[in-house]
Amino acid sequence: MRSRPYPGLVAVAAVAALTATACTAQNEAQQKPKEKTALFKPGSDIGYQKYGKNYPATKVKDVPGSCSYESISRKDYSGQTLKIISHAVPVIGEPTQLHAKQFEEITGGKVEVVNVPFGELHQKILTPLQAGQPAYDVMFYPSLWIGDLAPYLAPVPEKYLNTTGMQDVTAAYMDVATWDGMVVQYPVDGDRHYLKIRADVLKDPKWQAQYKTATGKDLRVPTTWAEYQDMAEAFSGKDFDGDGKKNYGSAEVTKRDDLTFSAFISRAAPYVKNPDVKGGVFFDEETMKPLINTPGFVRALQDMVKAKSTWAPGGANFGLGDEIFSFGGGQTLMSYSWDDAFIQAQQPDSRIRNTVEAAPLPGSTEVYNRTTKSWDKKANQAAYFTWGWTSAVAKASSHQEMAFDYLCFFSNEANTALDLAIGRFGVNPYRISHFAPEFWEKQGWDKDVAKAYVDTLSGMEENPNRVFDLRVPGVNQYMSALANGIAAALAGQESPQRALDGVAGEWAKITNQIGKDKVRSAYRNVVALEDES
């Protein structure tokens, strides 16, 4: 992986920022804030409880720096209005609103936030940008949309790249924020898929004995998807936590229009990401022929269809929220998507708090080699960095300094420490400091839980065998086609092979519509991330 810091990126961003400043000198002059007396003392206690009873009483110290409460409160943005678009409340939308209110209080500026459901967000952001009439100064959106949005985004200026918070962002998430060597997204979140499991069940002698008798195997954290399936089957329909209600084996995101494509890629990663084969997993980089119907992907969809027997009632139509509360509420033994389910389980009022464990995504005992068109018989595990929320400033915004100050404030150390501990916020670890067990122990986590969590996340950062999302123009079309194929297989309407053959055909059409050279050029950015070690 690339070592930190990023002098090349800083230099490129600095040149771009100077160019942008020269082109919009008049607007830049108008948006410079006045200076005023700070409203906070250095190191002040920061908390959210005054904004509502549903915020924890936790307080943290304001960390000195240019993004701190103390520094931002010195700026007077009265008379200026910042327009922001974000996802619907609560996931990322709620912290957007909260920090907008705080920013108004301490700077005197006005901040207007529009919250949009996921299915409408892409169009609401991209259409005005393409028309040359950006409706918003600041945009929060899934980072995999960078292939569509990059031409319209303002590079992050050098002074923000040099802040303590930005310098602490992990290498992988600086990569996610970068397009063609330039940082155009402002990191506010770090998403990855990993395994969540009920450690109390694994450690219970009664369940250990029953599992051994039933399967002949030891009860342990699964290291392959086959082991995951065995455990999920063994525990589905049993009351493993003694509350008189049935529990189930696996909670997965399966709803067609609610991110099921990411769940599928998690399952596919160890079958398709061969560490000995470079060039990406979604397309042949030279011909742009889709690889989505090759044997590794088909094996993953076969696994997913088989897993249906281990899901809770309604599990065949689980959205992300359902998965979060199924595992986080104690209904299921395992899940494997974003951080939110684990953080939900670790909320102060959770009945399963400190009984859960984080671990790497299950792997496989063989991985497909698309060069030799055969299976390599070897253990394989792949880290999946799945989009994550990000933010950016419109290149055509006339309030760029106010916009970047807002994002700087949104992601300052105090706000991030508080946001990370609120499961519904959707803000997950993306800085090196977030991988310290002590950070989580301060939130009330047991030492063993905190260690397993940070070891899992930091291990993904070090894993050279990585899968990133498809970040190309038209990504929504590609992922919608994939979700349709997955849904058809899960519903029993088509075999996994036939379903993915149909997806491959749709992908080829989408590529031809957008332009093969255009998609290939963007896809090479993804390949570069995956092949970097």
Protein backbone atom coordinates (compact mmCIF):
# COMPACT_ATOMS: atom_id res chain seq x y z
CA MET A 1 0.00 0.00 0.00
CA ARG A 2 1.08 3.54 -0.57
CA SER A 3 2.88 5.15 2.35
CA ARG A 4 1.61 8.35 3.89
CA PRO A 5 1.57 11.33 3.62
CA TYR A 6 0.61 12.23 0.01
CA PRO A 7 3.01 14.92 -1.22
CA GLY A 8 2.17 14.28 -4.86
CA LEU A 9 -1.55 14.59 -4.27
CA VAL A 10 -1.06 17.69 -2.17
CA ALA A 11 0.96 19.30 -4.94
CA VAL A 12 -1.60 18.42 -7.61
CA ALA A 13 -4.44 19.65 -5.42
CA ALA A 14 -2.59 22.86 -4.69
CA VAL A 15 -2.14 23.61 -8.39
CA ALA A 16 -5.76 22.80 -9.09
CA ALA A 17 -6.91 24.94 -6.19
CA LEU A 18 -4.84 27.89 -7.41
CA THR A 19 -6.30 27.48 -10.89
CA ALA A 20 -9.83 27.34 -9.55
CA THR A 21 -9.16 30.39 -7.41
CA ALA A 22 -7.84 32.36 -10.35
CA CYS A 23 -10.90 31.46 -12.42
CA THR A 24 -13.34 32.55 -9.73
CA ALA A 25 -11.43 35.34 -8.03
CA GLN A 26 -14.45 37.60 -7.65
CA ASN A 27 -16.62 34.91 -6.08
CA GLU A 28 -13.78 33.79 -3.84
CA ALA A 29 -13.33 37.34 -2.60
CA GLN A 30 -17.03 37.55 -1.75
CA GLN A 31 -17.02 34.33 0.25
CA LYS A 32 -14.08 35.12 2.52
CA PRO A 33 -15.36 35.09 6.11
CA LYS A 34 -14.81 37.91 8.54
CA GLU A 35 -12.92 37.22 11.74
CA LYS A 36 -14.65 37.34 15.11
CA THR A 37 -14.00 36.37 18.70
CA ALA A 38 -13.97 32.61 19.27
CA LEU A 39 -17.04 31.17 21.01
CA PHE A 40 -15.08 28.23 22.44
CA LYS A 41 -11.90 27.93 24.47
CA PRO A 42 -9.25 25.47 23.29
CA GLY A 43 -10.04 21.98 24.54
CA SER A 44 -13.68 22.72 25.42
CA ASP A 45 -16.03 19.86 26.24
CA ILE A 46 -18.21 18.94 23.24
CA GLY A 47 -21.45 16.98 23.40
CA TYR A 48 -24.74 16.63 21.53
CA GLN A 49 -27.29 16.12 24.29
CA LYS A 50 -28.65 19.67 24.13
CA TYR A 51 -29.93 18.84 20.63
CA GLY A 52 -32.24 16.06 21.81
CA LYS A 53 -32.78 13.26 24.31
CA ASN A 54 -31.90 10.64 21.72
CA TYR A 55 -28.28 11.77 21.71
CA PRO A 56 -25.87 10.18 24.22
CA ALA A 57 -24.56 12.15 27.18
CA THR A 58 -20.99 11.44 26.06
CA LYS A 59 -18.62 14.40 25.94
CA VAL A 60 -15.25 14.70 24.25
CA LYS A 61 -12.59 17.38 24.08
CA ASP A 62 -12.40 19.83 21.18
CA VAL A 63 -9.07 18.96 19.53
CA PRO A 64 -7.07 22.10 18.60
CA GLY A 65 -6.66 22.71 14.89
CA SER A 66 -8.13 24.60 11.97
CA CYS A 67 -11.30 22.44 11.93
CA SER A 68 -12.03 22.66 15.66
CA TYR A 69 -15.02 24.32 17.27
CA GLU A 70 -12.69 27.00 18.56
CA SER A 71 -11.18 27.78 15.13
CA ILE A 72 -14.39 27.58 13.09
CA SER A 73 -16.23 29.78 15.61
CA ARG A 74 -13.76 32.56 14.80
CA LYS A 75 -15.23 32.79 11.30
CA ASP A 76 -18.19 35.03 10.54
CA TYR A 77 -20.28 33.79 7.63
CA SER A 78 -23.30 35.94 8.39
CA GLY A 79 -25.11 36.96 5.21
CA GLN A 80 -24.01 33.82 3.33
CA THR A 81 -26.11 30.73 2.62
CA LEU A 82 -24.70 27.27 2.06
CA LYS A 83 -26.85 24.70 0.24
CA ILE A 84 -26.31 21.02 0.98
CA ILE A 85 -27.84 17.81 -0.34
CA SER A 86 -27.58 14.61 1.69
CA HIS A 87 -29.17 11.23 2.18
CA ALA A 88 -32.43 10.85 4.08
CA VAL A 89 -32.39 10.78 7.89
CA PRO A 90 -30.88 9.07 9.80
CA VAL A 91 -27.99 7.48 7.88
CA ILE A 92 -25.58 10.34 7.02
CA GLY A 93 -28.60 12.66 6.73
CA GLU A 94 -28.94 13.16 10.48
CA PRO A 95 -25.29 14.14 11.12
CA THR A 96 -25.49 16.44 8.08
CA GLN A 97 -28.41 18.26 9.69
CA LEU A 98 -26.89 18.29 13.17
CA HIS A 99 -23.56 19.72 12.05
CA ALA A 100 -25.33 22.24 9.82
CA LYS A 101 -27.22 23.53 12.87
CA GLN A 102 -24.00 23.73 14.87
CA PHE A 103 -22.19 25.46 12.00
CA GLU A 104 -24.96 28.06 11.83
CA GLU A 105 -24.77 28.65 15.58
CA ILE A 106 -21.03 29.25 15.66
CA THR A 107 -20.46 31.06 12.33
CA GLY A 108 -23.67 33.06 11.84
CA GLY A 109 -24.08 31.70 8.32
CA LYS A 110 -27.20 30.01 7.03
CA VAL A 111 -27.10 26.35 6.03
CA GLU A 112 -29.94 24.75 4.07
CA VAL A 113 -29.99 20.94 4.01
CA VAL A 114 -32.11 18.90 1.61
CA ASN A 115 -32.45 15.22 2.54
CA VAL A 116 -33.23 12.82 -0.30
CA PRO A 117 -34.05 9.07 -0.34
CA PHE A 118 -31.28 6.88 -1.71
CA GLY A 119 -33.15 6.04 -4.91
CA GLU A 120 -33.41 9.72 -5.88
CA LEU A 121 -30.05 11.01 -4.66
CA HIS A 122 -27.95 10.28 -7.75
CA GLN A 123 -30.30 12.08 -10.13
CA LYS A 124 -30.88 15.02 -7.78
CA ILE A 125 -27.12 15.63 -7.61
CA LEU A 126 -25.97 14.81 -11.13
CA THR A 127 -28.68 16.34 -13.32
CA PRO A 128 -28.12 19.99 -12.23
CA LEU A 129 -24.34 19.52 -12.44
CA GLN A 130 -24.58 18.25 -16.01
CA ALA A 131 -26.79 21.20 -16.88
CA GLY A 132 -24.12 23.61 -15.59
CA GLN A 133 -26.44 24.82 -12.84
CA PRO A 134 -25.39 23.13 -9.60
CA ALA A 135 -28.21 23.29 -7.10
CA TYR A 136 -25.94 22.60 -4.11
CA ASP A 137 -22.57 23.74 -2.78
CA VAL A 138 -21.94 20.58 -0.75
CA MET A 139 -22.99 17.06 -1.66
CA PHE A 140 -23.01 13.87 0.43
CA TYR A 141 -23.25 10.68 -1.61
CA PRO A 142 -21.85 7.14 -2.04
CA SER A 143 -18.19 7.35 -3.00
CA LEU A 144 -18.57 4.89 -5.89
CA TRP A 145 -20.37 7.65 -7.84
CA ILE A 146 -17.05 9.42 -8.32
CA GLY A 147 -16.86 8.24 -11.93
CA ASP A 148 -19.97 10.27 -12.73
CA LEU A 149 -19.28 13.27 -10.50
CA ALA A 150 -15.51 13.86 -10.70
CA PRO A 151 -15.64 16.37 -13.61
CA TYR A 152 -17.89 18.64 -11.55
CA LEU A 153 -16.04 18.55 -8.22
CA ALA A 154 -13.68 21.14 -6.75
CA PRO A 155 -10.30 19.68 -5.74
CA VAL A 156 -9.77 19.78 -1.98
CA PRO A 157 -7.45 22.77 -1.31
CA GLU A 158 -4.03 22.19 0.21
CA LYS A 159 -4.83 23.84 3.54
CA TYR A 160 -7.56 21.25 4.17
CA LEU A 161 -5.38 18.35 3.01
CA ASN A 162 -2.84 19.48 5.61
CA THR A 163 -5.26 19.45 8.55
CA THR A 164 -4.60 16.95 11.33
CA GLY A 165 -7.83 15.10 10.60
CA MET A 166 -7.09 14.71 6.89
CA GLN A 167 -3.51 13.58 7.55
CA ASP A 168 -4.97 10.86 9.79
CA VAL A 169 -7.20 9.38 7.05
CA THR A 170 -6.11 5.85 6.12
CA ALA A 171 -4.34 5.18 2.85
CA ALA A 172 -7.30 3.19 1.48
CA TYR A 173 -9.74 6.04 2.08
CA MET A 174 -7.42 8.65 0.64
CA ASP A 175 -7.39 6.38 -2.41
CA VAL A 176 -11.20 6.36 -2.42
CA ALA A 177 -11.20 10.18 -2.33
CA THR A 178 -8.81 10.44 -5.28
CA TRP A 179 -9.51 10.54 -9.02
CA ASP A 180 -6.80 10.84 -11.66
CA GLY A 181 -4.27 11.75 -8.97
CA MET A 182 -6.38 14.51 -7.44
CA VAL A 183 -8.31 14.52 -4.15
CA VAL A 184 -11.84 15.58 -5.10
CA GLN A 185 -13.84 13.93 -2.31
CA TYR A 186 -13.69 14.96 1.35
CA PRO A 187 -13.50 11.81 3.53
CA VAL A 188 -16.23 11.62 6.21
CA ASP A 189 -16.76 7.87 6.46
CA GLY A 190 -14.95 4.57 5.92
CA ASP A 191 -17.03 1.60 4.87
CA ARG A 192 -15.99 -1.98 4.51
CA HIS A 193 -17.74 -5.29 4.85
CA TYR A 194 -16.67 -7.73 7.54
CA LEU A 195 -18.13 -10.55 9.62
CA LYS A 196 -20.16 -9.94 12.79
CA ILE A 197 -20.89 -12.87 15.08
CA ARG A 198 -22.32 -13.62 18.51
CA ALA A 199 -19.24 -14.48 20.55
CA ASP A 200 -21.35 -15.54 23.54
CA VAL A 201 -22.82 -18.39 21.49
CA LEU A 202 -19.41 -19.50 20.21
CA LYS A 203 -18.04 -19.63 23.75
CA ASP A 204 -21.02 -21.43 25.31
CA PRO A 205 -20.01 -25.04 26.21
CA LYS A 206 -23.56 -26.25 25.58
CA TRP A 207 -23.63 -24.97 22.02
CA GLN A 208 -20.05 -26.09 21.41
CA ALA A 209 -21.01 -29.64 22.36
CA GLN A 210 -24.22 -29.64 20.32
CA TYR A 211 -22.44 -28.31 17.23
CA LYS A 212 -19.68 -30.89 17.57
CA THR A 213 -22.22 -33.69 17.85
CA ALA A 214 -24.25 -32.43 14.88
CA THR A 215 -21.40 -31.64 12.50
CA GLY A 216 -18.25 -33.25 13.84
CA LYS A 217 -16.62 -29.82 13.74
CA ASP A 218 -15.49 -27.34 16.36
CA LEU A 219 -17.63 -24.25 16.86
CA ARG A 220 -15.50 -21.26 15.88
CA VAL A 221 -15.48 -18.07 13.85
CA PRO A 222 -16.01 -19.22 10.24
CA THR A 223 -13.07 -18.67 7.92
CA THR A 224 -14.81 -19.75 4.71
CA TRP A 225 -18.28 -19.24 3.27
CA ALA A 226 -18.83 -23.01 3.50
CA GLU A 227 -18.19 -22.87 7.26
CA TYR A 228 -20.48 -19.84 7.51
CA GLN A 229 -23.27 -21.81 5.83
CA ASP A 230 -22.75 -24.83 8.10
CA MET A 231 -23.02 -22.68 11.22
CA ALA A 232 -25.97 -20.67 9.94
CA GLU A 233 -27.88 -23.88 9.16
CA ALA A 234 -27.05 -25.41 12.54
CA PHE A 235 -28.39 -22.46 14.54
CA SER A 236 -31.41 -21.41 12.49
CA GLY A 237 -34.65 -22.01 14.33
CA LYS A 238 -32.97 -22.46 17.72
CA ASP A 239 -33.34 -20.23 20.77
CA PHE A 240 -29.65 -19.69 21.38
CA ASP A 241 -30.01 -16.73 23.74
CA GLY A 242 -32.71 -18.13 26.01
CA ASP A 243 -35.39 -15.49 25.53
CA GLY A 244 -38.07 -17.91 24.39
CA LYS A 245 -37.90 -16.78 20.76
CA LYS A 246 -36.37 -18.49 17.76
CA ASN A 247 -33.05 -17.20 16.49
CA TYR A 248 -31.64 -17.53 13.00
CA GLY A 249 -28.31 -18.09 11.34
CA SER A 250 -27.68 -15.16 9.00
CA ALA A 251 -28.95 -11.65 8.34
CA GLU A 252 -28.10 -10.38 4.85
CA VAL A 253 -29.05 -7.43 2.65
CA THR A 254 -31.24 -9.10 0.06
CA LYS A 255 -33.76 -6.47 -1.04
CA ARG A 256 -33.30 -5.84 -4.76
CA ASP A 257 -33.24 -2.04 -4.63
CA ASP A 258 -31.48 -1.75 -1.27
CA LEU A 259 -27.78 -2.54 -1.73
CA THR A 260 -28.05 -6.28 -2.28
CA PHE A 261 -25.34 -5.92 -4.91
CA SER A 262 -22.83 -5.07 -2.16
CA ALA A 263 -23.80 -8.14 -0.12
CA PHE A 264 -23.28 -10.29 -3.20
CA ILE A 265 -19.84 -8.80 -3.91
CA SER A 266 -18.84 -9.63 -0.31
CA ARG A 267 -19.70 -13.26 -0.98
CA ALA A 268 -17.95 -13.23 -4.35
CA ALA A 269 -14.72 -11.50 -3.28
CA PRO A 270 -12.66 -14.55 -2.24
CA TYR A 271 -13.80 -16.55 -5.27
CA VAL A 272 -12.96 -13.84 -7.85
CA LYS A 273 -10.08 -11.78 -6.44
CA ASN A 274 -7.08 -13.94 -7.19
CA PRO A 275 -3.90 -12.41 -5.71
CA ASP A 276 -1.88 -13.83 -8.59
CA VAL A 277 -4.04 -12.28 -11.33
CA LYS A 278 -3.98 -8.54 -11.94
CA GLY A 279 -6.39 -6.43 -13.94
CA GLY A 280 -9.57 -6.09 -11.90
CA VAL A 281 -12.51 -8.41 -11.19
CA PHE A 282 -15.50 -6.85 -12.95
CA PHE A 283 -14.26 -6.53 -16.56
CA ASP A 284 -11.42 -7.66 -18.76
CA GLU A 285 -9.46 -4.41 -18.71
CA GLU A 286 -8.46 -4.59 -22.37
CA THR A 287 -11.66 -5.78 -24.05
CA MET A 288 -14.11 -4.57 -21.36
CA LYS A 289 -15.91 -7.89 -21.59
CA PRO A 290 -17.92 -8.33 -18.35
CA LEU A 291 -16.61 -10.98 -15.94
CA ILE A 292 -19.73 -10.98 -13.78
CA ASN A 293 -20.88 -14.37 -15.13
CA THR A 294 -17.56 -16.17 -14.69
CA PRO A 295 -17.34 -19.19 -12.33
CA GLY A 296 -16.29 -17.26 -9.21
CA PHE A 297 -19.32 -14.99 -9.31
CA VAL A 298 -21.60 -17.92 -10.13
CA ARG A 299 -20.28 -19.87 -7.12
CA ALA A 300 -21.04 -16.88 -4.85
CA LEU A 301 -24.61 -16.62 -6.13
CA GLN A 302 -25.10 -20.35 -5.63
CA ASP A 303 -23.97 -19.87 -2.02
CA MET A 304 -26.35 -16.97 -1.54
CA VAL A 305 -29.31 -18.97 -2.86
CA LYS A 306 -28.42 -21.83 -0.52
CA ALA A 307 -28.28 -19.40 2.44
CA LYS A 308 -32.01 -18.65 2.16
CA SER A 309 -32.81 -21.48 4.56
CA THR A 310 -30.86 -19.72 7.32
CA TRP A 311 -32.63 -16.36 7.15
CA ALA A 312 -35.20 -15.01 9.58
CA PRO A 313 -38.82 -14.64 8.43
CA GLY A 314 -38.85 -11.87 5.82
CA GLY A 315 -35.10 -12.24 5.34
CA ALA A 316 -35.47 -12.63 1.58
CA ASN A 317 -36.47 -8.98 1.44
CA PHE A 318 -34.14 -7.47 4.04
CA GLY A 319 -32.90 -3.95 3.41
CA LEU A 320 -29.87 -2.56 5.21
CA GLY A 321 -31.99 -1.33 8.11
CA ASP A 322 -33.49 -4.80 8.57
CA GLU A 323 -30.05 -6.38 8.61
CA ILE A 324 -28.79 -3.82 11.13
CA PHE A 325 -31.58 -4.51 13.59
CA SER A 326 -31.71 -8.27 12.99
CA PHE A 327 -28.10 -8.79 14.04
CA GLY A 328 -27.81 -5.67 16.21
CA GLY A 329 -31.02 -6.62 18.03
CA GLY A 330 -29.90 -10.19 18.74
CA GLN A 331 -32.14 -12.08 16.30
CA THR A 332 -29.38 -13.66 14.22
CA LEU A 333 -26.05 -15.36 14.86
CA MET A 334 -24.11 -13.65 12.06
CA SER A 335 -24.16 -10.90 9.45
CA TYR A 336 -21.53 -9.41 7.17
CA SER A 337 -22.29 -5.96 5.84
CA TRP A 338 -21.41 -2.47 7.02
CA ASP A 339 -20.33 -1.35 10.50
CA ASP A 340 -23.82 -0.26 11.46
CA ALA A 341 -25.05 -3.67 12.63
CA PHE A 342 -22.02 -4.06 14.91
CA ILE A 343 -22.34 -0.53 16.28
CA GLN A 344 -26.06 -1.15 16.87
CA ALA A 345 -25.20 -4.24 18.89
CA GLN A 346 -22.76 -2.12 20.91
CA GLN A 347 -25.19 0.68 21.78
CA PRO A 348 -25.38 1.37 25.55
CA ASP A 349 -28.94 0.04 25.77
CA SER A 350 -28.32 -3.08 23.66
CA ARG A 351 -29.13 -6.42 25.31
CA ILE A 352 -26.23 -8.05 23.43
CA ARG A 353 -23.65 -5.35 24.09
CA ASN A 354 -20.13 -6.78 24.47
CA THR A 355 -21.29 -10.27 23.45
CA VAL A 356 -20.37 -9.80 19.78
CA GLU A 357 -17.15 -10.13 17.82
CA ALA A 358 -15.80 -8.74 14.56
CA ALA A 359 -13.75 -10.85 12.15
CA PRO A 360 -12.62 -10.74 8.50
CA LEU A 361 -15.08 -11.72 5.79
CA PRO A 362 -15.14 -15.48 5.22
CA GLY A 363 -12.85 -16.68 2.48
CA SER A 364 -12.64 -19.79 0.30
CA THR A 365 -10.53 -22.88 -0.21
CA GLU A 366 -10.12 -22.14 -3.91
CA VAL A 367 -10.16 -19.07 -6.14
CA TYR A 368 -10.96 -18.81 -9.84
CA ASN A 369 -8.12 -17.93 -12.18
CA ARG A 370 -9.56 -16.20 -15.22
CA THR A 371 -6.22 -16.40 -17.05
CA THR A 372 -6.01 -20.19 -16.92
CA LYS A 373 -9.81 -20.56 -16.78
CA SER A 374 -9.51 -22.96 -13.87
CA TRP A 375 -9.73 -23.00 -10.06
CA ASP A 376 -6.54 -22.51 -8.04
CA LYS A 377 -6.74 -24.85 -5.03
CA LYS A 378 -5.56 -22.55 -2.24
CA ALA A 379 -7.02 -20.69 0.69
CA ASN A 380 -8.02 -17.16 -0.26
CA GLN A 381 -9.43 -14.16 1.57
CA ALA A 382 -10.17 -10.72 0.10
CA ALA A 383 -10.89 -7.42 1.83
CA TYR A 384 -13.91 -5.60 0.41
CA PHE A 385 -13.95 -1.80 0.67
CA THR A 386 -17.53 -1.06 -0.24
CA TRP A 387 -18.18 2.50 -1.30
CA GLY A 388 -18.91 4.42 1.92
CA TRP A 389 -20.42 7.86 2.20
CA THR A 390 -18.31 10.74 1.07
CA SER A 391 -18.70 14.45 0.47
CA ALA A 392 -17.58 17.00 -2.06
CA VAL A 393 -17.87 20.64 -3.09
CA ALA A 394 -19.22 21.66 -6.47
CA LYS A 395 -16.60 23.18 -8.74
CA ALA A 396 -19.11 25.88 -9.76
CA SER A 397 -20.04 26.81 -6.17
CA SER A 398 -19.60 30.47 -5.28
CA HIS A 399 -19.21 29.54 -1.60
CA GLN A 400 -16.30 27.14 -1.79
CA GLU A 401 -14.48 28.35 1.32
CA MET A 402 -17.64 28.18 3.41
CA ALA A 403 -18.35 24.75 1.94
CA PHE A 404 -14.92 23.34 2.75
CA ASP A 405 -15.04 24.90 6.22
CA TYR A 406 -18.34 23.11 6.81
CA LEU A 407 -16.86 19.77 5.76
CA CYS A 408 -13.76 20.47 7.82
CA PHE A 409 -16.01 21.14 10.83
CA PHE A 410 -18.31 18.16 10.10
CA SER A 411 -15.34 15.80 10.25
CA ASN A 412 -13.30 17.38 13.04
CA GLU A 413 -11.95 15.05 15.69
CA ALA A 414 -14.59 15.88 18.32
CA ASN A 415 -17.57 15.45 16.00
CA THR A 416 -16.19 12.26 14.48
CA ALA A 417 -15.56 10.69 17.89
CA LEU A 418 -19.18 11.31 18.84
CA ASP A 419 -20.63 10.36 15.43
CA LEU A 420 -18.82 7.01 15.31
CA ALA A 421 -20.57 5.86 18.47
CA ILE A 422 -24.10 6.55 17.16
CA GLY A 423 -25.06 3.54 15.07
CA ARG A 424 -27.82 5.22 13.05
CA PHE A 425 -25.49 7.99 11.82
CA GLY A 426 -23.70 5.74 9.33
CA VAL A 427 -20.28 7.25 10.11
CA ASN A 428 -17.70 4.46 10.36
CA PRO A 429 -13.93 4.39 11.01
CA TYR A 430 -11.76 6.01 8.36
CA ARG A 431 -8.81 7.44 10.30
CA ILE A 432 -5.77 5.70 11.71
CA SER A 433 -6.66 6.92 15.20
CA HIS A 434 -9.99 5.08 14.96
CA PHE A 435 -8.04 1.80 15.00
CA ALA A 436 -6.82 2.25 18.57
CA PRO A 437 -8.66 -0.12 20.96
CA GLU A 438 -8.58 2.59 23.62
CA PHE A 439 -10.77 4.80 21.42
CA TRP A 440 -13.56 2.21 21.65
CA GLU A 441 -12.94 1.22 25.24
CA LYS A 442 -13.75 4.83 26.13
CA GLN A 443 -17.17 4.18 24.55
CA GLY A 444 -17.80 1.41 27.08
CA TRP A 445 -16.67 -1.53 24.93
CA ASP A 446 -15.00 -4.50 26.59
CA LYS A 447 -11.31 -4.78 25.87
CA ASP A 448 -11.63 -8.03 23.88
CA VAL A 449 -14.48 -6.66 21.74
CA ALA A 450 -12.55 -3.47 20.99
CA LYS A 451 -9.39 -5.38 20.07
CA ALA A 452 -11.17 -7.80 17.72
CA TYR A 453 -12.92 -4.86 16.06
CA VAL A 454 -9.84 -2.74 15.41
CA ASP A 455 -7.73 -5.75 14.44
CA THR A 456 -10.34 -6.68 11.83
CA LEU A 457 -10.53 -3.18 10.36
CA SER A 458 -6.81 -2.48 10.43
CA GLY A 459 -6.14 -5.92 8.97
CA MET A 460 -8.20 -4.99 5.95
CA GLU A 461 -6.05 -1.90 5.47
CA GLU A 462 -2.96 -4.12 5.37
CA ASN A 463 -4.46 -6.84 3.16
CA PRO A 464 -2.96 -6.53 -0.36
CA ASN A 465 -5.77 -8.64 -1.85
CA ARG A 466 -8.48 -6.00 -2.03
CA VAL A 467 -11.75 -5.45 -3.87
CA PHE A 468 -13.14 -1.97 -4.43
CA ASP A 469 -16.51 -1.07 -5.87
CA LEU A 470 -17.00 -0.48 -9.57
CA ARG A 471 -16.43 3.29 -9.87
CA VAL A 472 -17.27 4.18 -13.45
CA PRO A 473 -19.77 6.39 -15.28
CA GLY A 474 -23.17 4.72 -15.21
CA VAL A 475 -22.38 2.72 -12.08
CA ASN A 476 -26.01 2.90 -10.95
CA GLN A 477 -27.09 1.19 -14.16
CA TYR A 478 -24.53 -1.57 -13.73
CA MET A 479 -25.47 -2.19 -10.09
CA SER A 480 -29.19 -2.10 -10.84
CA ALA A 481 -28.72 -4.76 -13.51
CA LEU A 482 -26.70 -6.86 -11.06
CA ALA A 483 -29.36 -6.49 -8.34
CA ASN A 484 -32.03 -7.64 -10.80
CA GLY A 485 -30.03 -10.74 -11.62
CA ILE A 486 -29.43 -11.57 -7.96
CA ALA A 487 -33.13 -11.11 -7.21
CA ALA A 488 -34.11 -13.44 -10.04
CA ALA A 489 -31.83 -16.16 -8.70
CA LEU A 490 -32.95 -15.73 -5.09
CA ALA A 491 -36.60 -15.93 -6.18
CA GLY A 492 -35.91 -19.17 -8.04
CA GLN A 493 -36.86 -17.63 -11.37
CA GLU A 494 -33.48 -18.37 -12.95
CA SER A 495 -30.40 -20.44 -12.14
CA PRO A 496 -27.40 -18.46 -10.83
CA GLN A 497 -25.54 -19.03 -14.10
CA ARG A 498 -28.43 -17.94 -16.28
CA ALA A 499 -29.15 -14.93 -14.07
CA LEU A 500 -25.56 -13.71 -14.27
CA ASP A 501 -25.40 -14.40 -18.02
CA GLY A 502 -28.28 -11.95 -18.29
CA VAL A 503 -26.42 -9.42 -16.13
CA ALA A 504 -23.33 -9.74 -18.33
CA GLY A 505 -25.46 -9.03 -21.39
CA GLU A 506 -26.91 -5.93 -19.75
CA TRP A 507 -23.47 -4.74 -18.70
CA ALA A 508 -22.19 -5.05 -22.26
CA LYS A 509 -25.12 -2.93 -23.50
CA ILE A 510 -24.52 -0.28 -20.81
CA THR A 511 -20.82 -0.11 -21.70
CA ASN A 512 -21.61 0.37 -25.38
CA GLN A 513 -24.17 3.08 -24.58
CA ILE A 514 -21.78 5.07 -22.39
CA GLY A 515 -18.74 4.40 -24.57
CA LYS A 516 -16.22 1.61 -24.13
CA ASP A 517 -13.21 3.93 -24.02
CA LYS A 518 -14.87 6.19 -21.44
CA VAL A 519 -15.76 3.30 -19.14
CA ARG A 520 -12.34 1.67 -19.58
CA SER A 521 -10.55 4.89 -18.68
CA ALA A 522 -12.52 5.15 -15.43
CA TYR A 523 -12.26 1.43 -14.70
CA ARG A 524 -8.48 1.64 -14.75
CA ASN A 525 -8.71 3.80 -11.62
CA VAL A 526 -10.43 0.89 -9.86
CA VAL A 527 -7.90 -1.62 -11.17
CA ALA A 528 -5.05 0.56 -9.92
CA LEU A 529 -6.51 0.51 -6.40
CA GLU A 530 -6.96 -3.25 -6.41
CA ASP A 531 -3.58 -4.07 -7.92
CA GLU A 532 -1.65 -1.74 -5.60
CA SER A 533 0.03 -3.65 -2.80
